[in-house]
Structures are given as structure tokens and as C-alpha cells.
Amino acid sequence: MAAGAMLGGAAQGARPAAAAPDTALPKSKQTVLGLYMTPRETAETMAKEGKKTLFVDVRTRGEMMFTGWAPAIDGHVPFVDVTEFWDWDDKEGRYRLEAHPTFSQDVGRLLAAKGLAKTDRVIVMCRSGDRSARAVDKLAEAGFTQVYSQHEGFEGDLAADGRRSVNGWKNAGLPWTFKPDKAKFYLGNR
């Protein structure tokens, strides 16, 4: 597994002590738990220990539909999504994003449906690793103790030419598709 120390012994519901930062990762991709995986490590973990691991894509619904998704995920729970009326955010120069109000609870439902607990391994993936880091921190606040950020994301980091071609799930040649799977896509409270 990639850099990051395992934090053991955290009481369920208690926030774990912050791990030492992984200086190889940009600050925006570092998490309080300090647990990280690359796309290949994630794929290998799911192939070998998928029954004991929850793999969640935390991108927006639009990203899932229009940039593709990895069939290896157990489910999709957006960490943030565009506002209901697609409000514009002048400061960010894009549609306004709002926090998903039941994010931790929805991930908890996926975990329970798989027969796992907050102390079991969870891997989260976003577009490029920044959002998944924030999602890890949010889950740690909710008492999850073994949450890994797939720090390269689905599409990867930006190259000098502005394309997402540096790293990530797609660029690693791992399986992905554009075809939606209703059973894995977020549909709100089911």
C-alpha cells in the first residue's frame, strides 16, 4: 500500500489522532488519517479483498455520467454536487457546488449493506484526489477509522497542456465505462 500510517485503536465514534502528513502528496490531497492508495493498489485490493472493503466514488452525478466510472466501485455517493437550480459561482468560475448533507450517513448505508462496520477499510475516489481527501476527513469525523484516499482520482492530475493525462484510474488503463449502472449510482435515499 502507498504511504500512510495505519491508525489503530481509535474508539468507534471518536476522531482519530491526525497522522503525520505525507510530504510526497500536495497538502490538498493529505488526510487526517494518512491512508492512501494508487489506482493500481485500489484495483488489487478490490480484486483480493473486495468483500472486506468498501470502494466509493465521491464525484458529482454529472462526472459519473459524462466522464465515465469504474465498475469496481461498490457505490457512488457525491461529496458535493451542483445546486438544484445550477447556480453560478462567480468566485470559482463554475456552477456552485454544495456539500452533500447526508454524505457520511449514505456511505454508512453502503457499508452496512455490504456487512461491514466503520472500522473496516473504505476507499474513496474523486476526480483527482483533492475531494477524496476532504471526504476521508469527513468520514473520520463520523467515526470511520480506516478510510483511504485513492489520491490520483478517476481522471488524474492536470498535465502542462491542461488535460488530465498524468495519472489516475483511467490513465492507469484500469477498467471503466460510460454505461450507467443504476444499482451503483447515487439515487438519493433509497
Foldseek 3Di string as FASTA:
>chain_A
DDWFDAFPDDDFLHQTAATDFDVVDPPLQTARRRAADALVRVVVCCVVPVLQEAEEEQEELCCCQPVWDAPSHLAYHHQKYADPVQPADPVVRGGDIDGDPCRLVVVQVSQVVSVHDLATEYEYAYAARSVQRVVNRVNSNRRRRHYYYNHQHAQGDADPVRGSQDGHNVNVVHDIDNDDDVSHYDDDDD
